[in-house]
């Protein structure tokens, strides 16, 4: 953009915002600055595997993208890089970092309705954000991805909270996010980098595998509609804490209200469809309130799940859960 790569200091009384307060910035040293450096590893098999994992994160398109020479290696279905969402190679606080995650797996996934491994989680990104196909569990690429996540998780013991994961939590709107207002904001703040049609800027001709200087936000070469970034809460917080390029969670440049509306415009745009989304979240009461596809257990329409407001949906889900409890 002057919002480049995909996107609390506001009072709760700001126009259009609910009374919920933003989370305070984590206390203590910024672990992003202490992320281990793969270049410091020995030039042995283990060190090369970690560095290969980092390369797969930062230049996914060049190694397993849809235009690589070997058809058997075309696992990603678009020319994005994992690093377009997992900023700074997965080390940026509230930029969907991947440090500290290794010890949290296996874990229960509400989307799958079952326990998943770190390999399963990586494949979730491959089939949704990268709009591609799953990596074989023992493939060199999967082993490299896992090795990189394990390396970035050094110093994070199992069970200890990890600061800066996810995309942050800013105040929510007490109205529906507005894609039309978001379109106007996009023209003012994002168009210069992400292009008039949201298709980003390629580094070279489309026939090469050099990826994007600025990634597309929608269209055929973007993430599909089952990806986490296709959900409003994820997208809006990502934009608020990371965009325009160079922004961080301590110095957001977009107001919360603008971030919500920009995100609404982004998620309203066409993108690849993932088949079988109706099988996600077997327990519908565990489905995130901003999941933009049904079915739902709470009686609210898809439009409200996509754009909010979310407080009424949360209240309905809480009531339904309470009704399920034994008397």
C-alpha atoms as a PDB file:
ATOM      1  CA  UNK A   1       0.000   0.000   0.000  1.00  0.00           C
ATOM      2  CA  UNK A   2       1.585   2.971   0.764  1.00  0.00           C
ATOM      3  CA  UNK A   3       0.004  -0.522   2.321  1.00  0.00           C
ATOM      4  CA  UNK A   4       2.686  -2.933   0.937  1.00  0.00           C
ATOM      5  CA  UNK A   5       2.741  -6.705   1.583  1.00  0.00           C
ATOM      6  CA  UNK A   6      -0.791  -8.092   2.201  1.00  0.00           C
ATOM      7  CA  UNK A   7      -2.273  -5.510   6.020  1.00  0.00           C
ATOM      8  CA  UNK A   8      -3.811   1.082  20.416  1.00  0.00           C
ATOM      9  CA  UNK A   9      -3.443   4.252  20.148  1.00  0.00           C
ATOM     10  CA  UNK A  10      -7.154   4.885  19.704  1.00  0.00           C
ATOM     11  CA  UNK A  11      -9.623   5.780  22.396  1.00  0.00           C
ATOM     12  CA  UNK A  12     -12.543   3.419  22.823  1.00  0.00           C
ATOM     13  CA  UNK A  13     -14.722   6.431  22.317  1.00  0.00           C
ATOM     14  CA  UNK A  14     -13.500   6.949  18.752  1.00  0.00           C
ATOM     15  CA  UNK A  15     -16.302   7.090  16.213  1.00  0.00           C
ATOM     16  CA  UNK A  16     -17.698   3.712  15.246  1.00  0.00           C
ATOM     17  CA  UNK A  17     -15.621   1.690  17.721  1.00  0.00           C
ATOM     18  CA  UNK A  18     -16.923  -0.637  20.387  1.00  0.00           C
ATOM     19  CA  UNK A  19     -15.993  -0.142  24.023  1.00  0.00           C
ATOM     20  CA  UNK A  20     -13.587  -3.078  24.104  1.00  0.00           C
ATOM     21  CA  UNK A  21     -10.063  -1.851  24.754  1.00  0.00           C
ATOM     22  CA  UNK A  22      -7.074  -2.945  22.645  1.00  0.00           C
ATOM     23  CA  UNK A  23      -4.573  -5.283  24.197  1.00  0.00           C
ATOM     24  CA  UNK A  24      -1.613  -3.566  25.834  1.00  0.00           C
ATOM     25  CA  UNK A  25       1.700  -4.098  24.030  1.00  0.00           C
ATOM     26  CA  UNK A  26       3.568  -7.035  25.585  1.00  0.00           C
ATOM     27  CA  UNK A  27       5.969  -6.184  28.387  1.00  0.00           C
ATOM     28  CA  UNK A  28       9.660  -6.981  28.292  1.00  0.00           C
ATOM     29  CA  UNK A  29      12.168  -7.247  25.443  1.00  0.00           C
ATOM     30  CA  UNK A  30      10.973  -7.558  21.883  1.00  0.00           C
ATOM     31  CA  UNK A  31      11.639 -11.169  20.964  1.00  0.00           C
ATOM     32  CA  UNK A  32      11.575 -10.286  17.280  1.00  0.00           C
ATOM     33  CA  UNK A  33      14.969  -8.668  17.739  1.00  0.00           C
ATOM     34  CA  UNK A  34      16.234 -11.847  19.415  1.00  0.00           C
ATOM     35  CA  UNK A  35      15.104 -14.247  16.687  1.00  0.00           C
ATOM     36  CA  UNK A  36      17.943 -16.641  15.854  1.00  0.00           C
ATOM     37  CA  UNK A  37      19.825 -15.972  12.631  1.00  0.00           C
ATOM     38  CA  UNK A  38      19.954 -19.001  10.295  1.00  0.00           C
ATOM     39  CA  UNK A  39      23.107 -17.642   8.665  1.00  0.00           C
ATOM     40  CA  UNK A  40      24.992 -18.327  11.906  1.00  0.00           C
ATOM     41  CA  UNK A  41      24.443 -22.078  11.652  1.00  0.00           C
ATOM     42  CA  UNK A  42      27.258 -24.401  10.542  1.00  0.00           C
ATOM     43  CA  UNK A  43      27.429 -25.396   6.904  1.00  0.00           C
ATOM     44  CA  UNK A  44      26.305 -28.924   7.672  1.00  0.00           C
ATOM     45  CA  UNK A  45      23.179 -30.909   6.821  1.00  0.00           C
ATOM     46  CA  UNK A  46      21.156 -29.500   9.719  1.00  0.00           C
ATOM     47  CA  UNK A  47      22.201 -25.911   9.029  1.00  0.00           C
ATOM     48  CA  UNK A  48      21.474 -26.208   5.326  1.00  0.00           C
ATOM     49  CA  UNK A  49      18.034 -27.657   6.071  1.00  0.00           C
ATOM     50  CA  UNK A  50      17.099 -24.648   8.239  1.00  0.00           C
ATOM     51  CA  UNK A  51      18.364 -22.200   5.634  1.00  0.00           C
ATOM     52  CA  UNK A  52      16.420 -24.098   2.975  1.00  0.00           C
ATOM     53  CA  UNK A  53      13.314 -23.636   5.125  1.00  0.00           C
ATOM     54  CA  UNK A  54      13.900 -19.909   5.325  1.00  0.00           C
ATOM     55  CA  UNK A  55      14.333 -19.761   1.543  1.00  0.00           C
ATOM     56  CA  UNK A  56      11.039 -21.588   1.104  1.00  0.00           C
ATOM     57  CA  UNK A  57       9.352 -18.985   3.313  1.00  0.00           C
ATOM     58  CA  UNK A  58      10.870 -15.955   1.613  1.00  0.00           C
ATOM     59  CA  UNK A  59      10.843 -17.174  -2.018  1.00  0.00           C
ATOM     60  CA  UNK A  60       8.189 -19.897  -2.104  1.00  0.00           C
ATOM     61  CA  UNK A  61       7.328 -19.150  -5.733  1.00  0.00           C
ATOM     62  CA  UNK A  62      10.931 -19.843  -6.851  1.00  0.00           C
ATOM     63  CA  UNK A  63      11.136 -23.319  -5.308  1.00  0.00           C
ATOM     64  CA  UNK A  64       7.632 -24.819  -5.224  1.00  0.00           C
ATOM     65  CA  UNK A  65       5.570 -22.288  -7.185  1.00  0.00           C
ATOM     66  CA  UNK A  66       3.300 -22.965 -10.183  1.00  0.00           C
ATOM     67  CA  UNK A  67       5.965 -21.970 -12.721  1.00  0.00           C
ATOM     68  CA  UNK A  68       9.009 -23.936 -11.486  1.00  0.00           C
ATOM     69  CA  UNK A  69      10.630 -26.227 -14.060  1.00  0.00           C
ATOM     70  CA  UNK A  70       9.808 -29.540 -12.370  1.00  0.00           C
ATOM     71  CA  UNK A  71       6.030 -30.151 -12.460  1.00  0.00           C
ATOM     72  CA  UNK A  72       6.353 -32.477  -9.466  1.00  0.00           C
ATOM     73  CA  UNK A  73       7.579 -29.537  -7.364  1.00  0.00           C
ATOM     74  CA  UNK A  74       4.634 -27.256  -8.190  1.00  0.00           C
ATOM     75  CA  UNK A  75       3.000 -27.436  -4.768  1.00  0.00           C
ATOM     76  CA  UNK A  76       1.991 -23.760  -4.461  1.00  0.00           C
ATOM     77  CA  UNK A  77      -0.881 -22.728  -6.702  1.00  0.00           C
ATOM     78  CA  UNK A  78       0.046 -19.039  -6.786  1.00  0.00           C
ATOM     79  CA  UNK A  79       3.205 -16.953  -7.038  1.00  0.00           C
ATOM     80  CA  UNK A  80       3.026 -15.572  -3.517  1.00  0.00           C
ATOM     81  CA  UNK A  81       5.682 -16.210  -0.867  1.00  0.00           C
ATOM     82  CA  UNK A  82       4.862 -17.423   2.625  1.00  0.00           C
ATOM     83  CA  UNK A  83       6.717 -14.293   3.724  1.00  0.00           C
ATOM     84  CA  UNK A  84       4.032 -12.065   2.187  1.00  0.00           C
ATOM     85  CA  UNK A  85       1.904 -12.875   5.247  1.00  0.00           C
ATOM     86  CA  UNK A  86       4.536 -14.199   7.688  1.00  0.00           C
ATOM     87  CA  UNK A  87       6.493 -10.950   7.606  1.00  0.00           C
ATOM     88  CA  UNK A  88      10.260 -10.704   7.957  1.00  0.00           C
ATOM     89  CA  UNK A  89      10.561 -14.425   7.292  1.00  0.00           C
ATOM     90  CA  UNK A  90       8.184 -15.165  10.150  1.00  0.00           C
ATOM     91  CA  UNK A  91       9.916 -13.065  12.811  1.00  0.00           C
ATOM     92  CA  UNK A  92       7.847  -9.862  12.951  1.00  0.00           C
ATOM     93  CA  UNK A  93       5.687  -9.356  16.014  1.00  0.00           C
ATOM     94  CA  UNK A  94       1.979  -9.325  15.070  1.00  0.00           C
ATOM     95  CA  UNK A  95       3.028  -9.931  11.466  1.00  0.00           C
ATOM     96  CA  UNK A  96       1.839 -13.557  11.705  1.00  0.00           C
ATOM     97  CA  UNK A  97       5.190 -14.719  13.124  1.00  0.00           C
ATOM     98  CA  UNK A  98       6.099 -18.400  13.290  1.00  0.00           C
ATOM     99  CA  UNK A  99       8.674 -18.194  16.093  1.00  0.00           C
ATOM    100  CA  UNK A 100       7.800 -20.138  19.228  1.00  0.00           C
ATOM    101  CA  UNK A 101       5.192 -22.301  17.482  1.00  0.00           C
ATOM    102  CA  UNK A 102       6.983 -25.619  17.275  1.00  0.00           C
ATOM    103  CA  UNK A 103       6.408 -26.690  20.870  1.00  0.00           C
ATOM    104  CA  UNK A 104       2.670 -25.938  20.637  1.00  0.00           C
ATOM    105  CA  UNK A 105       2.134 -28.878  18.261  1.00  0.00           C
ATOM    106  CA  UNK A 106       0.412 -31.268  18.106  1.00  0.00           C
ATOM    107  CA  UNK A 107      -2.665 -29.233  19.047  1.00  0.00           C
ATOM    108  CA  UNK A 108      -6.410 -29.379  18.636  1.00  0.00           C
ATOM    109  CA  UNK A 109      -7.748 -27.608  15.537  1.00  0.00           C
ATOM    110  CA  UNK A 110     -11.367 -26.466  15.615  1.00  0.00           C
ATOM    111  CA  UNK A 111     -11.292 -26.158  11.830  1.00  0.00           C
ATOM    112  CA  UNK A 112     -10.305 -29.811  11.426  1.00  0.00           C
ATOM    113  CA  UNK A 113     -12.221 -30.987  14.477  1.00  0.00           C
ATOM    114  CA  UNK A 114      -9.182 -33.067  15.438  1.00  0.00           C
ATOM    115  CA  UNK A 115      -5.624 -32.883  16.709  1.00  0.00           C
ATOM    116  CA  UNK A 116      -3.158 -31.723  14.062  1.00  0.00           C
ATOM    117  CA  UNK A 117       0.626 -31.809  13.716  1.00  0.00           C
ATOM    118  CA  UNK A 118       2.943 -29.007  12.650  1.00  0.00           C
ATOM    119  CA  UNK A 119       3.019 -30.682   9.218  1.00  0.00           C
ATOM    120  CA  UNK A 120      -0.773 -30.496   9.039  1.00  0.00           C
ATOM    121  CA  UNK A 121      -0.643 -26.808   9.890  1.00  0.00           C
ATOM    122  CA  UNK A 122       1.920 -26.115   7.180  1.00  0.00           C
ATOM    123  CA  UNK A 123      -0.252 -27.970   4.693  1.00  0.00           C
ATOM    124  CA  UNK A 124      -3.168 -25.768   5.760  1.00  0.00           C
ATOM    125  CA  UNK A 125      -1.152 -22.799   4.521  1.00  0.00           C
ATOM    126  CA  UNK A 126      -0.180 -24.641   1.339  1.00  0.00           C
ATOM    127  CA  UNK A 127      -3.753 -25.507   0.401  1.00  0.00           C
ATOM    128  CA  UNK A 128      -5.358 -22.227   1.472  1.00  0.00           C
ATOM    129  CA  UNK A 129      -2.978 -19.242   1.515  1.00  0.00           C
ATOM    130  CA  UNK A 130      -0.876 -20.672  -1.303  1.00  0.00           C
ATOM    131  CA  UNK A 131      -3.959 -22.108  -3.050  1.00  0.00           C
ATOM    132  CA  UNK A 132      -2.008 -25.267  -3.808  1.00  0.00           C
ATOM    133  CA  UNK A 133      -1.656 -28.867  -2.704  1.00  0.00           C
ATOM    134  CA  UNK A 134      -0.350 -30.573   0.387  1.00  0.00           C
ATOM    135  CA  UNK A 135       3.332 -31.414   0.718  1.00  0.00           C
ATOM    136  CA  UNK A 136       4.183 -35.082   1.326  1.00  0.00           C
ATOM    137  CA  UNK A 137       5.054 -35.432   5.022  1.00  0.00           C
ATOM    138  CA  UNK A 138       8.557 -36.746   4.322  1.00  0.00           C
ATOM    139  CA  UNK A 139       9.343 -34.497   1.377  1.00  0.00           C
ATOM    140  CA  UNK A 140      12.521 -32.396   1.530  1.00  0.00           C
ATOM    141  CA  UNK A 141      10.392 -29.242   1.444  1.00  0.00           C
ATOM    142  CA  UNK A 142       8.248 -30.246   4.417  1.00  0.00           C
ATOM    143  CA  UNK A 143      11.325 -31.275   6.384  1.00  0.00           C
ATOM    144  CA  UNK A 144      12.873 -27.870   5.637  1.00  0.00           C
ATOM    145  CA  UNK A 145       9.753 -25.920   6.662  1.00  0.00           C
ATOM    146  CA  UNK A 146       9.559 -27.848   9.936  1.00  0.00           C
ATOM    147  CA  UNK A 147      13.274 -27.395  10.606  1.00  0.00           C
ATOM    148  CA  UNK A 148      12.928 -23.629  10.171  1.00  0.00           C
ATOM    149  CA  UNK A 149       9.947 -23.393  12.534  1.00  0.00           C
ATOM    150  CA  UNK A 150      11.820 -25.527  15.075  1.00  0.00           C
ATOM    151  CA  UNK A 151      14.891 -23.284  14.762  1.00  0.00           C
ATOM    152  CA  UNK A 152      12.882 -20.088  15.289  1.00  0.00           C
ATOM    153  CA  UNK A 153      11.309 -21.698  18.355  1.00  0.00           C
ATOM    154  CA  UNK A 154      14.602 -22.131  20.209  1.00  0.00           C
ATOM    155  CA  UNK A 155      14.244 -20.608  23.673  1.00  0.00           C
ATOM    156  CA  UNK A 156      10.445 -20.878  23.820  1.00  0.00           C
ATOM    157  CA  UNK A 157       9.574 -23.692  26.244  1.00  0.00           C
ATOM    158  CA  UNK A 158       6.354 -25.615  25.787  1.00  0.00           C
ATOM    159  CA  UNK A 159       3.408 -24.142  27.679  1.00  0.00           C
ATOM    160  CA  UNK A 160       4.863 -20.650  28.095  1.00  0.00           C
ATOM    161  CA  UNK A 161       2.923 -17.804  26.391  1.00  0.00           C
ATOM    162  CA  UNK A 162       4.667 -16.351  23.347  1.00  0.00           C
ATOM    163  CA  UNK A 163       4.314 -12.599  22.885  1.00  0.00           C
ATOM    164  CA  UNK A 164       3.424 -11.175  19.495  1.00  0.00           C
ATOM    165  CA  UNK A 165       1.801 -14.177  17.832  1.00  0.00           C
ATOM    166  CA  UNK A 166      -1.021 -13.689  15.356  1.00  0.00           C
ATOM    167  CA  UNK A 167      -2.030 -10.261  14.088  1.00  0.00           C
ATOM    168  CA  UNK A 168      -2.878  -8.379  17.301  1.00  0.00           C
ATOM    169  CA  UNK A 169      -6.239  -7.285  18.669  1.00  0.00           C
ATOM    170  CA  UNK A 170      -7.553  -3.756  18.117  1.00  0.00           C
ATOM    171  CA  UNK A 171     -11.024  -2.462  19.038  1.00  0.00           C
ATOM    172  CA  UNK A 172     -13.855  -3.794  16.911  1.00  0.00           C
ATOM    173  CA  UNK A 173     -16.451  -1.677  15.177  1.00  0.00           C
ATOM    174  CA  UNK A 174     -19.978  -1.567  16.553  1.00  0.00           C
ATOM    175  CA  UNK A 175     -21.202  -1.372  12.943  1.00  0.00           C
ATOM    176  CA  UNK A 176     -20.585  -3.483   9.888  1.00  0.00           C
ATOM    177  CA  UNK A 177     -17.271  -2.800   8.188  1.00  0.00           C
ATOM    178  CA  UNK A 178     -17.874  -0.846   4.987  1.00  0.00           C
ATOM    179  CA  UNK A 179     -16.334  -2.138   1.715  1.00  0.00           C
ATOM    180  CA  UNK A 180     -17.461   1.000  -0.166  1.00  0.00           C
ATOM    181  CA  UNK A 181     -15.608   3.276   2.234  1.00  0.00           C
ATOM    182  CA  UNK A 182     -12.714   0.821   2.072  1.00  0.00           C
ATOM    183  CA  UNK A 183     -12.574   1.203  -1.713  1.00  0.00           C
ATOM    184  CA  UNK A 184     -12.073   4.962  -1.331  1.00  0.00           C
ATOM    185  CA  UNK A 185      -9.372   4.406   1.301  1.00  0.00           C
ATOM    186  CA  UNK A 186      -7.660   1.862  -0.947  1.00  0.00           C
ATOM    187  CA  UNK A 187      -7.397   4.432  -3.732  1.00  0.00           C
ATOM    188  CA  UNK A 188      -5.783   6.887  -1.311  1.00  0.00           C
ATOM    189  CA  UNK A 189      -3.415   4.629   0.619  1.00  0.00           C
ATOM    190  CA  UNK A 190      -2.862   1.284  -1.119  1.00  0.00           C
ATOM    191  CA  UNK A 191      -3.171   1.718  -4.872  1.00  0.00           C
ATOM    192  CA  UNK A 192       0.360   3.029  -5.453  1.00  0.00           C
ATOM    193  CA  UNK A 193       1.843  -0.311  -4.373  1.00  0.00           C
ATOM    194  CA  UNK A 194      -0.890  -2.919  -4.806  1.00  0.00           C
ATOM    195  CA  UNK A 195      -2.046  -1.555  -8.170  1.00  0.00           C
ATOM    196  CA  UNK A 196      -5.386  -0.296  -9.428  1.00  0.00           C
ATOM    197  CA  UNK A 197      -6.841  -3.797  -9.631  1.00  0.00           C
ATOM    198  CA  UNK A 198      -5.254  -5.198  -6.465  1.00  0.00           C
ATOM    199  CA  UNK A 199      -2.969  -7.413  -8.527  1.00  0.00           C
ATOM    200  CA  UNK A 200       0.297  -6.200  -7.043  1.00  0.00           C
ATOM    201  CA  UNK A 201       3.569  -5.661  -8.897  1.00  0.00           C
ATOM    202  CA  UNK A 202       5.495  -8.523 -10.461  1.00  0.00           C
ATOM    203  CA  UNK A 203       9.273  -8.434 -10.336  1.00  0.00           C
ATOM    204  CA  UNK A 204       9.410  -9.460 -13.967  1.00  0.00           C
ATOM    205  CA  UNK A 205       7.324 -10.981 -16.747  1.00  0.00           C
ATOM    206  CA  UNK A 206       4.565 -13.382 -15.685  1.00  0.00           C
ATOM    207  CA  UNK A 207       6.476 -16.239 -17.382  1.00  0.00           C
ATOM    208  CA  UNK A 208       9.279 -16.064 -14.821  1.00  0.00           C
ATOM    209  CA  UNK A 209       9.327 -17.325 -11.239  1.00  0.00           C
ATOM    210  CA  UNK A 210      10.658 -14.175  -9.553  1.00  0.00           C
ATOM    211  CA  UNK A 211       7.432 -13.468  -7.704  1.00  0.00           C
ATOM    212  CA  UNK A 212       6.106 -10.097  -6.644  1.00  0.00           C
ATOM    213  CA  UNK A 213       7.660  -6.915  -5.358  1.00  0.00           C
ATOM    214  CA  UNK A 214       4.197  -6.240  -3.886  1.00  0.00           C
ATOM    215  CA  UNK A 215       1.758  -9.148  -3.637  1.00  0.00           C
ATOM    216  CA  UNK A 216      -1.749  -9.252  -5.081  1.00  0.00           C
ATOM    217  CA  UNK A 217      -4.556  -8.859  -2.550  1.00  0.00           C
ATOM    218  CA  UNK A 218      -7.199 -10.600  -4.654  1.00  0.00           C
ATOM    219  CA  UNK A 219      -7.617 -12.231  -8.035  1.00  0.00           C
ATOM    220  CA  UNK A 220      -6.406 -15.562  -9.446  1.00  0.00           C
ATOM    221  CA  UNK A 221      -2.849 -15.330  -8.069  1.00  0.00           C
ATOM    222  CA  UNK A 222      -3.896 -14.538  -4.500  1.00  0.00           C
ATOM    223  CA  UNK A 223      -4.881 -16.644  -1.462  1.00  0.00           C
ATOM    224  CA  UNK A 224      -8.154 -18.518  -1.701  1.00  0.00           C
ATOM    225  CA  UNK A 225     -11.394 -17.966   0.208  1.00  0.00           C
ATOM    226  CA  UNK A 226     -10.529 -20.595   2.812  1.00  0.00           C
ATOM    227  CA  UNK A 227      -7.371 -18.780   3.951  1.00  0.00           C
ATOM    228  CA  UNK A 228      -7.117 -17.001   7.270  1.00  0.00           C
ATOM    229  CA  UNK A 229      -6.416 -13.702   5.517  1.00  0.00           C
ATOM    230  CA  UNK A 230      -9.834 -13.950   3.853  1.00  0.00           C
ATOM    231  CA  UNK A 231     -11.398 -13.386   7.293  1.00  0.00           C
ATOM    232  CA  UNK A 232     -12.101  -9.807   8.329  1.00  0.00           C
ATOM    233  CA  UNK A 233     -10.673  -9.844  11.867  1.00  0.00           C
ATOM    234  CA  UNK A 234      -7.381 -11.354  10.735  1.00  0.00           C
ATOM    235  CA  UNK A 235      -7.064  -9.038   7.730  1.00  0.00           C
ATOM    236  CA  UNK A 236      -8.019  -5.850   9.583  1.00  0.00           C
ATOM    237  CA  UNK A 237      -5.560  -6.396  12.434  1.00  0.00           C
ATOM    238  CA  UNK A 238      -2.818  -7.347   9.979  1.00  0.00           C
ATOM    239  CA  UNK A 239      -3.367  -4.102   8.092  1.00  0.00           C
ATOM    240  CA  UNK A 240      -3.531  -1.991  11.256  1.00  0.00           C
ATOM    241  CA  UNK A 241      -0.323  -3.302  12.781  1.00  0.00           C
ATOM    242  CA  UNK A 242       1.774  -3.784   9.627  1.00  0.00           C
ATOM    243  CA  UNK A 243       0.696  -1.420   6.857  1.00  0.00           C
ATOM    244  CA  UNK A 244       1.830   0.692   5.101  1.00  0.00           C
ATOM    245  CA  UNK A 245       5.115  -1.164   4.679  1.00  0.00           C
ATOM    246  CA  UNK A 246       7.460  -0.401   7.572  1.00  0.00           C
ATOM    247  CA  UNK A 247       4.695   0.033  10.163  1.00  0.00           C
ATOM    248  CA  UNK A 248       4.860  -1.996  13.369  1.00  0.00           C
ATOM    249  CA  UNK A 249       2.538  -2.631  16.292  1.00  0.00           C
ATOM    250  CA  UNK A 250       4.045   0.192  18.361  1.00  0.00           C
ATOM    251  CA  UNK A 251       3.436   2.810  15.659  1.00  0.00           C
ATOM    252  CA  UNK A 252       0.323   1.978  13.622  1.00  0.00           C
ATOM    253  CA  UNK A 253      -0.322   4.361  10.743  1.00  0.00           C
ATOM    254  CA  UNK A 254      -3.878   3.337   9.824  1.00  0.00           C
ATOM    255  CA  UNK A 255      -6.636   4.145  12.261  1.00  0.00           C
ATOM    256  CA  UNK A 256      -8.560   1.137  13.506  1.00  0.00           C
ATOM    257  CA  UNK A 257     -11.692   2.281  11.687  1.00  0.00           C
ATOM    258  CA  UNK A 258      -9.816   2.690   8.404  1.00  0.00           C
ATOM    259  CA  UNK A 259      -8.188  -0.728   8.812  1.00  0.00           C
ATOM    260  CA  UNK A 260     -11.583  -2.412   9.305  1.00  0.00           C
ATOM    261  CA  UNK A 261     -13.047  -0.786   6.208  1.00  0.00           C
ATOM    262  CA  UNK A 262      -9.963  -1.399   4.070  1.00  0.00           C
ATOM    263  CA  UNK A 263     -10.016  -5.052   5.114  1.00  0.00           C
ATOM    264  CA  UNK A 264     -13.722  -5.238   4.248  1.00  0.00           C
ATOM    265  CA  UNK A 265     -12.952  -3.987   0.746  1.00  0.00           C
ATOM    266  CA  UNK A 266     -10.116  -6.499   0.368  1.00  0.00           C
ATOM    267  CA  UNK A 267     -12.128  -9.530   1.496  1.00  0.00           C
ATOM    268  CA  UNK A 268     -15.080  -8.468  -0.687  1.00  0.00           C
ATOM    269  CA  UNK A 269     -13.017  -8.942  -3.850  1.00  0.00           C
ATOM    270  CA  UNK A 270     -12.958 -12.112  -5.986  1.00  0.00           C
ATOM    271  CA  UNK A 271     -10.358 -14.772  -5.293  1.00  0.00           C
ATOM    272  CA  UNK A 272      -9.930 -18.513  -5.910  1.00  0.00           C
ATOM    273  CA  UNK A 273     -12.532 -20.757  -4.306  1.00  0.00           C
ATOM    274  CA  UNK A 274     -11.548 -23.689  -2.119  1.00  0.00           C
ATOM    275  CA  UNK A 275     -13.822 -26.699  -2.438  1.00  0.00           C
ATOM    276  CA  UNK A 276     -15.194 -28.374   0.669  1.00  0.00           C
ATOM    277  CA  UNK A 277     -15.365 -25.349   2.960  1.00  0.00           C
ATOM    278  CA  UNK A 278     -18.676 -26.624   4.322  1.00  0.00           C
ATOM    279  CA  UNK A 279     -16.678 -29.414   6.002  1.00  0.00           C
ATOM    280  CA  UNK A 280     -14.609 -26.937   8.049  1.00  0.00           C
ATOM    281  CA  UNK A 281     -15.393 -26.611  11.770  1.00  0.00           C
ATOM    282  CA  UNK A 282     -17.423 -29.764  12.477  1.00  0.00           C
ATOM    283  CA  UNK A 283     -18.506 -28.127  15.739  1.00  0.00           C
ATOM    284  CA  UNK A 284     -20.241 -25.039  14.384  1.00  0.00           C
ATOM    285  CA  UNK A 285     -20.193 -23.381  17.809  1.00  0.00           C
ATOM    286  CA  UNK A 286     -16.384 -23.365  17.567  1.00  0.00           C
ATOM    287  CA  UNK A 287     -16.435 -21.570  14.212  1.00  0.00           C
ATOM    288  CA  UNK A 288     -14.830 -18.091  14.358  1.00  0.00           C
ATOM    289  CA  UNK A 289     -17.421 -15.330  14.179  1.00  0.00           C
ATOM    290  CA  UNK A 290     -15.810 -13.819  11.062  1.00  0.00           C
ATOM    291  CA  UNK A 291     -15.730 -17.036   9.032  1.00  0.00           C
ATOM    292  CA  UNK A 292     -17.150 -15.760   5.727  1.00  0.00           C
ATOM    293  CA  UNK A 293     -18.767 -19.029   4.669  1.00  0.00           C
ATOM    294  CA  UNK A 294     -21.477 -21.219   6.190  1.00  0.00           C
ATOM    295  CA  UNK A 295     -22.981 -23.261   7.577  1.00  0.00           C
ATOM    296  CA  UNK A 296     -23.533 -21.468  10.902  1.00  0.00           C
ATOM    297  CA  UNK A 297     -25.219 -22.488  14.134  1.00  0.00           C
ATOM    298  CA  UNK A 298     -26.122 -18.998  15.335  1.00  0.00           C
ATOM    299  CA  UNK A 299     -28.802 -17.873  12.861  1.00  0.00           C
ATOM    300  CA  UNK A 300     -26.899 -14.843  11.552  1.00  0.00           C
ATOM    301  CA  UNK A 301     -26.460 -14.385   7.782  1.00  0.00           C
ATOM    302  CA  UNK A 302     -23.198 -14.805   5.900  1.00  0.00           C
ATOM    303  CA  UNK A 303     -23.078 -11.037   5.275  1.00  0.00           C
ATOM    304  CA  UNK A 304     -22.839 -10.288   9.000  1.00  0.00           C
ATOM    305  CA  UNK A 305     -20.260 -13.015   9.545  1.00  0.00           C
ATOM    306  CA  UNK A 306     -18.206 -11.467   6.760  1.00  0.00           C
ATOM    307  CA  UNK A 307     -18.394  -7.790   7.779  1.00  0.00           C
ATOM    308  CA  UNK A 308     -19.745  -7.694  11.339  1.00  0.00           C
ATOM    309  CA  UNK A 309     -20.744  -6.379  13.754  1.00  0.00           C
ATOM    310  CA  UNK A 310     -19.610  -9.440  15.668  1.00  0.00           C
ATOM    311  CA  UNK A 311     -20.774  -8.759  19.230  1.00  0.00           C
ATOM    312  CA  UNK A 312     -24.336 -10.014  18.569  1.00  0.00           C
ATOM    313  CA  UNK A 313     -22.943 -13.187  16.997  1.00  0.00           C
ATOM    314  CA  UNK A 314     -20.693 -13.816  20.000  1.00  0.00           C
ATOM    315  CA  UNK A 315     -23.636 -13.325  22.341  1.00  0.00           C
ATOM    316  CA  UNK A 316     -25.740 -15.828  20.394  1.00  0.00           C
ATOM    317  CA  UNK A 317     -22.933 -18.400  20.380  1.00  0.00           C
ATOM    318  CA  UNK A 318     -22.395 -17.973  24.124  1.00  0.00           C
ATOM    319  CA  UNK A 319     -26.121 -18.529  24.687  1.00  0.00           C
ATOM    320  CA  UNK A 320     -26.162 -21.641  22.528  1.00  0.00           C
ATOM    321  CA  UNK A 321     -23.137 -23.061  24.327  1.00  0.00           C
ATOM    322  CA  UNK A 322     -24.784 -22.416  27.682  1.00  0.00           C
ATOM    323  CA  UNK A 323     -27.910 -24.221  26.528  1.00  0.00           C
ATOM    324  CA  UNK A 324     -25.828 -27.269  25.667  1.00  0.00           C
ATOM    325  CA  UNK A 325     -24.398 -27.516  29.179  1.00  0.00           C
ATOM    326  CA  UNK A 326     -26.006 -30.205  31.365  1.00  0.00           C
ATOM    327  CA  UNK A 327     -28.464 -28.810  33.917  1.00  0.00           C
END
